[in-house]
Amino acid sequence: MDGGHARVCWIEQNEPWTLESRLISELDVPLNLDQNHHNAFYGHLKDLRAQARQRARELPVGT
């Protein structure tokens, strides 16, 4: 582990989808799959999420 920390900030934006598209295309945001096919982690994360969904469907429901 490199000891890095996540930072969060926000701004008000009239058209947030415009900014979102730009940020995803310019920054490395590996956990965001939407509009992020170019990320090297995309395929692996997509597969992991599919496996997790399948496993969740197989689990019994109830208390």
C-alpha atoms as a PDB file:
ATOM      1  CA  MET A   1       0.000   0.000   0.000  1.00  0.00           C
ATOM      2  CA  ASP A   2       1.344   3.426  -0.870  1.00  0.00           C
ATOM      3  CA  GLY A   3      -0.292   5.271   2.025  1.00  0.00           C
ATOM      4  CA  GLY A   4      -2.394   7.412  -0.324  1.00  0.00           C
ATOM      5  CA  HIS A   5      -5.732   8.812   0.672  1.00  0.00           C
ATOM      6  CA  ALA A   6      -8.862   9.550  -1.287  1.00  0.00           C
ATOM      7  CA  ARG A   7      -9.979  13.131  -1.535  1.00  0.00           C
ATOM      8  CA  VAL A   8     -13.534  14.221  -2.184  1.00  0.00           C
ATOM      9  CA  CYS A   9     -14.861  17.577  -3.263  1.00  0.00           C
ATOM     10  CA  TRP A  10     -17.910  18.862  -5.055  1.00  0.00           C
ATOM     11  CA  ILE A  11     -19.130  21.776  -7.070  1.00  0.00           C
ATOM     12  CA  GLU A  12     -22.570  22.807  -8.210  1.00  0.00           C
ATOM     13  CA  GLN A  13     -23.024  22.125 -11.904  1.00  0.00           C
ATOM     14  CA  ASN A  14     -26.070  22.868 -14.071  1.00  0.00           C
ATOM     15  CA  GLU A  15     -25.196  20.017 -16.456  1.00  0.00           C
ATOM     16  CA  PRO A  16     -23.297  17.489 -14.296  1.00  0.00           C
ATOM     17  CA  TRP A  17     -23.295  14.846 -17.055  1.00  0.00           C
ATOM     18  CA  THR A  18     -21.019  17.067 -19.131  1.00  0.00           C
ATOM     19  CA  LEU A  19     -18.453  17.381 -16.372  1.00  0.00           C
ATOM     20  CA  GLU A  20     -18.783  13.692 -15.495  1.00  0.00           C
ATOM     21  CA  SER A  21     -17.952  12.610 -19.058  1.00  0.00           C
ATOM     22  CA  ARG A  22     -14.926  14.874 -19.147  1.00  0.00           C
ATOM     23  CA  LEU A  23     -13.617  13.741 -15.771  1.00  0.00           C
ATOM     24  CA  ILE A  24     -14.042  10.045 -16.569  1.00  0.00           C
ATOM     25  CA  SER A  25     -12.190  10.469 -19.863  1.00  0.00           C
ATOM     26  CA  GLU A  26      -9.312  12.408 -18.263  1.00  0.00           C
ATOM     27  CA  LEU A  27      -8.891  10.775 -14.837  1.00  0.00           C
ATOM     28  CA  ASP A  28      -8.182   7.236 -13.686  1.00  0.00           C
ATOM     29  CA  VAL A  29     -11.434   6.244 -11.962  1.00  0.00           C
ATOM     30  CA  PRO A  30     -11.315   2.435 -12.052  1.00  0.00           C
ATOM     31  CA  LEU A  31     -14.472   1.749 -10.024  1.00  0.00           C
ATOM     32  CA  ASN A  32     -16.724   3.679 -12.398  1.00  0.00           C
ATOM     33  CA  LEU A  33     -17.708   1.419 -15.305  1.00  0.00           C
ATOM     34  CA  ASP A  34     -20.035   3.861 -17.055  1.00  0.00           C
ATOM     35  CA  GLN A  35     -18.189   5.600 -19.929  1.00  0.00           C
ATOM     36  CA  ASN A  36     -14.952   4.020 -18.730  1.00  0.00           C
ATOM     37  CA  HIS A  37     -14.266   1.217 -21.233  1.00  0.00           C
ATOM     38  CA  HIS A  38     -10.750   2.600 -21.802  1.00  0.00           C
ATOM     39  CA  ASN A  39      -9.640   1.845 -18.230  1.00  0.00           C
ATOM     40  CA  ALA A  40      -7.323  -1.189 -17.947  1.00  0.00           C
ATOM     41  CA  PHE A  41      -9.300  -2.470 -14.924  1.00  0.00           C
ATOM     42  CA  TYR A  42     -12.682  -2.255 -16.700  1.00  0.00           C
ATOM     43  CA  GLY A  43     -12.936  -5.862 -17.914  1.00  0.00           C
ATOM     44  CA  HIS A  44     -11.738  -7.366 -14.659  1.00  0.00           C
ATOM     45  CA  LEU A  45     -14.096  -5.262 -12.537  1.00  0.00           C
ATOM     46  CA  LYS A  46     -17.028  -5.975 -14.847  1.00  0.00           C
ATOM     47  CA  ASP A  47     -16.388  -9.725 -14.481  1.00  0.00           C
ATOM     48  CA  LEU A  48     -16.043  -9.470 -10.697  1.00  0.00           C
ATOM     49  CA  ARG A  49     -19.314  -7.584 -10.411  1.00  0.00           C
ATOM     50  CA  ALA A  50     -21.089 -10.144 -12.609  1.00  0.00           C
ATOM     51  CA  GLN A  51     -19.765 -12.965 -10.423  1.00  0.00           C
ATOM     52  CA  ALA A  52     -20.903 -11.139  -7.273  1.00  0.00           C
ATOM     53  CA  ARG A  53     -24.397 -10.622  -8.721  1.00  0.00           C
ATOM     54  CA  GLN A  54     -24.622 -14.295  -9.667  1.00  0.00           C
ATOM     55  CA  ARG A  55     -23.461 -15.387  -6.218  1.00  0.00           C
ATOM     56  CA  ALA A  56     -26.010 -13.063  -4.583  1.00  0.00           C
ATOM     57  CA  ARG A  57     -28.803 -14.604  -6.686  1.00  0.00           C
ATOM     58  CA  GLU A  58     -27.784 -18.066  -5.475  1.00  0.00           C
ATOM     59  CA  LEU A  59     -27.885 -17.181  -1.782  1.00  0.00           C
ATOM     60  CA  PRO A  60     -30.998 -18.020   0.211  1.00  0.00           C
ATOM     61  CA  VAL A  61     -33.267 -15.131   1.100  1.00  0.00           C
ATOM     62  CA  GLY A  62     -34.640 -14.906   4.597  1.00  0.00           C
ATOM     63  CA  THR A  63     -33.750 -14.405   8.225  1.00  0.00           C
END
